[in-house]
Amino acid sequence: MKNRDWKEWIKAAGVRAVKTVAQTAVATIGTAAVIGDVNWVMVGSAAALSGILSLLTSVAGLPECPKKTE
């Protein structure tokens, strides 16, 4: 894979991971707020784990980075 392809993949995977982290944090905070107690350590760990899983899932391929045939 060319250096430019790696940069494109890292950018696309990073954007996806940040969005996933934000979505998980919002969902966890919302759920905890209904219960009445937001556990910030749980919110942070769930969000961090979702970001890691997003990056690992991106290894399988990203539609934003189509495979180039040469």
PDB file of N, CA and C in Angstrom:
ATOM      1  N   MET A   1       0.848  -1.174   0.000  1.00  0.00           N
ATOM      2  CA  MET A   1       0.000   0.000   0.000  1.00  0.00           C
ATOM      3  C   MET A   1       0.892   1.235   0.000  1.00  0.00           C
ATOM      4  N   LYS A   2       0.524   2.174  -0.805  1.00  0.00           N
ATOM      5  CA  LYS A   2       1.314   3.393  -0.906  1.00  0.00           C
ATOM      6  C   LYS A   2       1.131   4.262   0.327  1.00  0.00           C
ATOM      7  N   ASN A   3       2.110   5.124   0.565  1.00  0.00           N
ATOM      8  CA  ASN A   3       2.074   6.023   1.719  1.00  0.00           C
ATOM      9  C   ASN A   3       0.825   6.900   1.691  1.00  0.00           C
ATOM     10  N   ARG A   4       0.445   7.363   0.509  1.00  0.00           N
ATOM     11  CA  ARG A   4      -0.745   8.214   0.381  1.00  0.00           C
ATOM     12  C   ARG A   4      -2.004   7.447   0.765  1.00  0.00           C
ATOM     13  N   ASP A   5      -2.062   6.158   0.395  1.00  0.00           N
ATOM     14  CA  ASP A   5      -3.212   5.333   0.743  1.00  0.00           C
ATOM     15  C   ASP A   5      -3.342   5.175   2.262  1.00  0.00           C
ATOM     16  N   TRP A   6      -2.200   5.023   2.939  1.00  0.00           N
ATOM     17  CA  TRP A   6      -2.222   4.898   4.403  1.00  0.00           C
ATOM     18  C   TRP A   6      -2.754   6.163   5.048  1.00  0.00           C
ATOM     19  N   LYS A   7      -2.324   7.296   4.546  1.00  0.00           N
ATOM     20  CA  LYS A   7      -2.784   8.576   5.100  1.00  0.00           C
ATOM     21  C   LYS A   7      -4.290   8.723   4.923  1.00  0.00           C
ATOM     22  N   GLU A   8      -4.781   8.325   3.751  1.00  0.00           N
ATOM     23  CA  GLU A   8      -6.222   8.401   3.481  1.00  0.00           C
ATOM     24  C   GLU A   8      -6.991   7.462   4.421  1.00  0.00           C
ATOM     25  N   TRP A   9      -6.451   6.250   4.618  1.00  0.00           N
ATOM     26  CA  TRP A   9      -7.110   5.279   5.496  1.00  0.00           C
ATOM     27  C   TRP A   9      -7.122   5.773   6.941  1.00  0.00           C
ATOM     28  N   ILE A  10      -5.996   6.274   7.411  1.00  0.00           N
ATOM     29  CA  ILE A  10      -5.901   6.759   8.790  1.00  0.00           C
ATOM     30  C   ILE A  10      -6.895   7.894   9.024  1.00  0.00           C
ATOM     31  N   LYS A  11      -7.007   8.801   8.065  1.00  0.00           N
ATOM     32  CA  LYS A  11      -7.940   9.913   8.207  1.00  0.00           C
ATOM     33  C   LYS A  11      -9.380   9.404   8.256  1.00  0.00           C
ATOM     34  N   ALA A  12      -9.750   8.520   7.329  1.00  0.00           N
ATOM     35  CA  ALA A  12     -11.127   7.997   7.279  1.00  0.00           C
ATOM     36  C   ALA A  12     -11.451   7.168   8.522  1.00  0.00           C
ATOM     37  N   ALA A  13     -10.516   6.316   8.946  1.00  0.00           N
ATOM     38  CA  ALA A  13     -10.744   5.492  10.136  1.00  0.00           C
ATOM     39  C   ALA A  13     -10.820   6.358  11.388  1.00  0.00           C
ATOM     40  N   GLY A  14     -10.006   7.400  11.448  1.00  0.00           N
ATOM     41  CA  GLY A  14     -10.035   8.306  12.597  1.00  0.00           C
ATOM     42  C   GLY A  14     -11.353   9.053  12.711  1.00  0.00           C
ATOM     43  N   VAL A  15     -11.858   9.519  11.581  1.00  0.00           N
ATOM     44  CA  VAL A  15     -13.147  10.220  11.582  1.00  0.00           C
ATOM     45  C   VAL A  15     -14.253   9.281  12.055  1.00  0.00           C
ATOM     46  N   ARG A  16     -14.241   8.053  11.546  1.00  0.00           N
ATOM     47  CA  ARG A  16     -15.248   7.073  11.975  1.00  0.00           C
ATOM     48  C   ARG A  16     -15.142   6.789  13.472  1.00  0.00           C
ATOM     49  N   ALA A  17     -13.915   6.635  13.967  1.00  0.00           N
ATOM     50  CA  ALA A  17     -13.715   6.315  15.378  1.00  0.00           C
ATOM     51  C   ALA A  17     -14.194   7.464  16.269  1.00  0.00           C
ATOM     52  N   VAL A  18     -13.895   8.699  15.886  1.00  0.00           N
ATOM     53  CA  VAL A  18     -14.329   9.848  16.687  1.00  0.00           C
ATOM     54  C   VAL A  18     -15.856   9.918  16.724  1.00  0.00           C
ATOM     55  N   LYS A  19     -16.500   9.695  15.578  1.00  0.00           N
ATOM     56  CA  LYS A  19     -17.965   9.701  15.545  1.00  0.00           C
ATOM     57  C   LYS A  19     -18.528   8.598  16.429  1.00  0.00           C
ATOM     58  N   THR A  20     -17.922   7.425  16.384  1.00  0.00           N
ATOM     59  CA  THR A  20     -18.392   6.304  17.199  1.00  0.00           C
ATOM     60  C   THR A  20     -18.224   6.600  18.682  1.00  0.00           C
ATOM     61  N   VAL A  21     -17.095   7.186  19.056  1.00  0.00           N
ATOM     62  CA  VAL A  21     -16.857   7.552  20.459  1.00  0.00           C
ATOM     63  C   VAL A  21     -17.916   8.550  20.927  1.00  0.00           C
ATOM     64  N   ALA A  22     -18.197   9.550  20.113  1.00  0.00           N
ATOM     65  CA  ALA A  22     -19.192  10.558  20.488  1.00  0.00           C
ATOM     66  C   ALA A  22     -20.586   9.942  20.621  1.00  0.00           C
ATOM     67  N   GLN A  23     -20.948   9.076  19.689  1.00  0.00           N
ATOM     68  CA  GLN A  23     -22.260   8.432  19.747  1.00  0.00           C
ATOM     69  C   GLN A  23     -22.400   7.562  20.998  1.00  0.00           C
ATOM     70  N   THR A  24     -21.350   6.826  21.310  1.00  0.00           N
ATOM     71  CA  THR A  24     -21.390   5.965  22.489  1.00  0.00           C
ATOM     72  C   THR A  24     -21.485   6.791  23.765  1.00  0.00           C
ATOM     73  N   ALA A  25     -20.717   7.875  23.838  1.00  0.00           N
ATOM     74  CA  ALA A  25     -20.753   8.729  25.027  1.00  0.00           C
ATOM     75  C   ALA A  25     -22.142   9.333  25.218  1.00  0.00           C
ATOM     76  N   VAL A  26     -22.739   9.835  24.139  1.00  0.00           N
ATOM     77  CA  VAL A  26     -24.071  10.437  24.238  1.00  0.00           C
ATOM     78  C   VAL A  26     -25.099   9.396  24.672  1.00  0.00           C
ATOM     79  N   ALA A  27     -25.027   8.212  24.084  1.00  0.00           N
ATOM     80  CA  ALA A  27     -25.982   7.158  24.442  1.00  0.00           C
ATOM     81  C   ALA A  27     -25.808   6.714  25.892  1.00  0.00           C
ATOM     82  N   THR A  28     -24.569   6.578  26.336  1.00  0.00           N
ATOM     83  CA  THR A  28     -24.311   6.144  27.707  1.00  0.00           C
ATOM     84  C   THR A  28     -24.745   7.209  28.712  1.00  0.00           C
ATOM     85  N   ILE A  29     -24.448   8.467  28.412  1.00  0.00           N
ATOM     86  CA  ILE A  29     -24.855   9.560  29.303  1.00  0.00           C
ATOM     87  C   ILE A  29     -26.382   9.638  29.369  1.00  0.00           C
ATOM     88  N   GLY A  30     -27.025   9.528  28.205  1.00  0.00           N
ATOM     89  CA  GLY A  30     -28.488   9.578  28.171  1.00  0.00           C
ATOM     90  C   GLY A  30     -29.133   8.469  28.964  1.00  0.00           C
ATOM     91  N   THR A  31     -28.616   7.264  28.824  1.00  0.00           N
ATOM     92  CA  THR A  31     -29.153   6.120  29.564  1.00  0.00           C
ATOM     93  C   THR A  31     -28.931   6.293  31.063  1.00  0.00           C
ATOM     94  N   ALA A  32     -27.727   6.719  31.438  1.00  0.00           N
ATOM     95  CA  ALA A  32     -27.413   6.898  32.859  1.00  0.00           C
ATOM     96  C   ALA A  32     -28.222   8.041  33.466  1.00  0.00           C
ATOM     97  N   ALA A  33     -28.486   9.076  32.687  1.00  0.00           N
ATOM     98  CA  ALA A  33     -29.248  10.213  33.206  1.00  0.00           C
ATOM     99  C   ALA A  33     -30.675   9.808  33.539  1.00  0.00           C
ATOM    100  N   VAL A  34     -31.231   8.904  32.751  1.00  0.00           N
ATOM    101  CA  VAL A  34     -32.581   8.408  33.029  1.00  0.00           C
ATOM    102  C   VAL A  34     -32.590   7.652  34.354  1.00  0.00           C
ATOM    103  N   ILE A  35     -31.542   6.884  34.590  1.00  0.00           N
ATOM    104  CA  ILE A  35     -31.425   6.140  35.850  1.00  0.00           C
ATOM    105  C   ILE A  35     -31.191   7.109  37.008  1.00  0.00           C
ATOM    106  N   GLY A  36     -30.523   8.217  36.743  1.00  0.00           N
ATOM    107  CA  GLY A  36     -30.340   9.230  37.772  1.00  0.00           C
ATOM    108  C   GLY A  36     -28.915   9.421  38.235  1.00  0.00           C
ATOM    109  N   ASP A  37     -27.980   8.642  37.707  1.00  0.00           N
ATOM    110  CA  ASP A  37     -26.598   8.769  38.139  1.00  0.00           C
ATOM    111  C   ASP A  37     -25.679   8.485  36.962  1.00  0.00           C
ATOM    112  N   VAL A  38     -24.912   9.479  36.537  1.00  0.00           N
ATOM    113  CA  VAL A  38     -23.973   9.295  35.435  1.00  0.00           C
ATOM    114  C   VAL A  38     -22.626   8.885  36.017  1.00  0.00           C
ATOM    115  N   ASN A  39     -22.186   7.696  35.672  1.00  0.00           N
ATOM    116  CA  ASN A  39     -20.879   7.199  36.090  1.00  0.00           C
ATOM    117  C   ASN A  39     -19.889   7.565  34.988  1.00  0.00           C
ATOM    118  N   TRP A  40     -19.109   8.619  35.213  1.00  0.00           N
ATOM    119  CA  TRP A  40     -18.241   9.144  34.174  1.00  0.00           C
ATOM    120  C   TRP A  40     -17.122   8.184  33.792  1.00  0.00           C
ATOM    121  N   VAL A  41     -16.687   7.364  34.727  1.00  0.00           N
ATOM    122  CA  VAL A  41     -15.671   6.357  34.396  1.00  0.00           C
ATOM    123  C   VAL A  41     -16.254   5.350  33.409  1.00  0.00           C
ATOM    124  N   MET A  42     -17.500   4.948  33.618  1.00  0.00           N
ATOM    125  CA  MET A  42     -18.155   4.017  32.708  1.00  0.00           C
ATOM    126  C   MET A  42     -18.345   4.662  31.331  1.00  0.00           C
ATOM    127  N   VAL A  43     -18.746   5.924  31.313  1.00  0.00           N
ATOM    128  CA  VAL A  43     -18.934   6.632  30.040  1.00  0.00           C
ATOM    129  C   VAL A  43     -17.610   6.673  29.280  1.00  0.00           C
ATOM    130  N   GLY A  44     -16.545   7.043  29.963  1.00  0.00           N
ATOM    131  CA  GLY A  44     -15.228   7.125  29.323  1.00  0.00           C
ATOM    132  C   GLY A  44     -14.722   5.790  28.831  1.00  0.00           C
ATOM    133  N   SER A  45     -14.881   4.759  29.640  1.00  0.00           N
ATOM    134  CA  SER A  45     -14.376   3.448  29.227  1.00  0.00           C
ATOM    135  C   SER A  45     -15.201   2.863  28.081  1.00  0.00           C
ATOM    136  N   ALA A  46     -16.500   3.041  28.112  1.00  0.00           N
ATOM    137  CA  ALA A  46     -17.342   2.550  27.017  1.00  0.00           C
ATOM    138  C   ALA A  46     -17.026   3.296  25.725  1.00  0.00           C
ATOM    139  N   ALA A  47     -16.839   4.597  25.814  1.00  0.00           N
ATOM    140  CA  ALA A  47     -16.513   5.394  24.632  1.00  0.00           C
ATOM    141  C   ALA A  47     -15.143   5.022  24.074  1.00  0.00           C
ATOM    142  N   ALA A  48     -14.164   4.848  24.947  1.00  0.00           N
ATOM    143  CA  ALA A  48     -12.820   4.466  24.502  1.00  0.00           C
ATOM    144  C   ALA A  48     -12.829   3.091  23.835  1.00  0.00           C
ATOM    145  N   LEU A  49     -13.526   2.152  24.440  1.00  0.00           N
ATOM    146  CA  LEU A  49     -13.616   0.812  23.861  1.00  0.00           C
ATOM    147  C   LEU A  49     -14.297   0.843  22.498  1.00  0.00           C
ATOM    148  N   SER A  50     -15.330   1.646  22.359  1.00  0.00           N
ATOM    149  CA  SER A  50     -16.014   1.730  21.066  1.00  0.00           C
ATOM    150  C   SER A  50     -15.097   2.329  20.000  1.00  0.00           C
ATOM    151  N   GLY A  51     -14.253   3.272  20.381  1.00  0.00           N
ATOM    152  CA  GLY A  51     -13.288   3.839  19.435  1.00  0.00           C
ATOM    153  C   GLY A  51     -12.268   2.817  18.974  1.00  0.00           C
ATOM    154  N   ILE A  52     -11.773   2.024  19.910  1.00  0.00           N
ATOM    155  CA  ILE A  52     -10.813   0.966  19.567  1.00  0.00           C
ATOM    156  C   ILE A  52     -11.464  -0.067  18.648  1.00  0.00           C
ATOM    157  N   LEU A  53     -12.683  -0.472  18.990  1.00  0.00           N
ATOM    158  CA  LEU A  53     -13.384  -1.438  18.152  1.00  0.00           C
ATOM    159  C   LEU A  53     -13.667  -0.876  16.762  1.00  0.00           C
ATOM    160  N   SER A  54     -13.956   0.399  16.671  1.00  0.00           N
ATOM    161  CA  SER A  54     -14.182   1.036  15.375  1.00  0.00           C
ATOM    162  C   SER A  54     -12.917   0.972  14.518  1.00  0.00           C
ATOM    163  N   LEU A  55     -11.777   1.274  15.117  1.00  0.00           N
ATOM    164  CA  LEU A  55     -10.520   1.206  14.371  1.00  0.00           C
ATOM    165  C   LEU A  55     -10.208  -0.220  13.926  1.00  0.00           C
ATOM    166  N   LEU A  56     -10.438  -1.183  14.799  1.00  0.00           N
ATOM    167  CA  LEU A  56     -10.189  -2.577  14.435  1.00  0.00           C
ATOM    168  C   LEU A  56     -11.128  -3.038  13.326  1.00  0.00           C
ATOM    169  N   THR A  57     -12.370  -2.601  13.373  1.00  0.00           N
ATOM    170  CA  THR A  57     -13.323  -2.951  12.327  1.00  0.00           C
ATOM    171  C   THR A  57     -12.926  -2.316  10.998  1.00  0.00           C
ATOM    172  N   SER A  58     -12.342  -1.137  11.051  1.00  0.00           N
ATOM    173  CA  SER A  58     -11.931  -0.445   9.836  1.00  0.00           C
ATOM    174  C   SER A  58     -10.816  -1.174   9.096  1.00  0.00           C
ATOM    175  N   VAL A  59     -10.092  -2.035   9.789  1.00  0.00           N
ATOM    176  CA  VAL A  59      -9.032  -2.804   9.143  1.00  0.00           C
ATOM    177  C   VAL A  59      -9.624  -3.691   8.040  1.00  0.00           C
ATOM    178  N   ALA A  60     -10.862  -4.133   8.214  1.00  0.00           N
ATOM    179  CA  ALA A  60     -11.516  -4.975   7.222  1.00  0.00           C
ATOM    180  C   ALA A  60     -11.833  -4.212   5.943  1.00  0.00           C
ATOM    181  N   GLY A  61     -11.836  -2.900   6.011  1.00  0.00           N
ATOM    182  CA  GLY A  61     -12.087  -2.094   4.827  1.00  0.00           C
ATOM    183  C   GLY A  61     -13.025  -0.945   5.128  1.00  0.00           C
ATOM    184  N   LEU A  62     -12.824   0.121   4.400  1.00  0.00           N
ATOM    185  CA  LEU A  62     -13.658   1.314   4.545  1.00  0.00           C
ATOM    186  C   LEU A  62     -14.234   1.676   3.182  1.00  0.00           C
ATOM    187  N   PRO A  63     -15.540   1.913   3.110  1.00  0.00           N
ATOM    188  CA  PRO A  63     -16.105   2.335   1.830  1.00  0.00           C
ATOM    189  C   PRO A  63     -15.548   3.683   1.357  1.00  0.00           C
ATOM    190  N   GLU A  64     -15.079   4.493   2.308  1.00  0.00           N
ATOM    191  CA  GLU A  64     -14.508   5.783   1.952  1.00  0.00           C
ATOM    192  C   GLU A  64     -13.162   5.642   1.230  1.00  0.00           C
ATOM    193  N   CYS A  65     -12.536   4.491   1.381  1.00  0.00           N
ATOM    194  CA  CYS A  65     -11.235   4.225   0.755  1.00  0.00           C
ATOM    195  C   CYS A  65     -11.357   3.021  -0.173  1.00  0.00           C
ATOM    196  N   PRO A  66     -11.902   3.235  -1.362  1.00  0.00           N
ATOM    197  CA  PRO A  66     -12.054   2.100  -2.268  1.00  0.00           C
ATOM    198  C   PRO A  66     -10.701   1.525  -2.675  1.00  0.00           C
ATOM    199  N   LYS A  67     -10.686   0.220  -2.879  1.00  0.00           N
ATOM    200  CA  LYS A  67      -9.436  -0.424  -3.311  1.00  0.00           C
ATOM    201  C   LYS A  67      -9.133   0.003  -4.734  1.00  0.00           C
ATOM    202  N   LYS A  68      -7.888   0.347  -4.951  1.00  0.00           N
ATOM    203  CA  LYS A  68      -7.463   0.811  -6.270  1.00  0.00           C
ATOM    204  C   LYS A  68      -6.776  -0.326  -6.987  1.00  0.00           C
ATOM    205  N   THR A  69      -7.173  -0.553  -8.195  1.00  0.00           N
ATOM    206  CA  THR A  69      -6.518  -1.571  -9.007  1.00  0.00           C
ATOM    207  C   THR A  69      -5.472  -0.897  -9.871  1.00  0.00           C
ATOM    208  N   GLU A  70      -4.312  -1.493  -9.884  1.00  0.00           N
ATOM    209  CA  GLU A  70      -3.221  -0.895 -10.652  1.00  0.00           C
ATOM    210  C   GLU A  70      -2.725  -1.872 -11.671  1.00  0.00           C
TER     211      GLU A  70
END
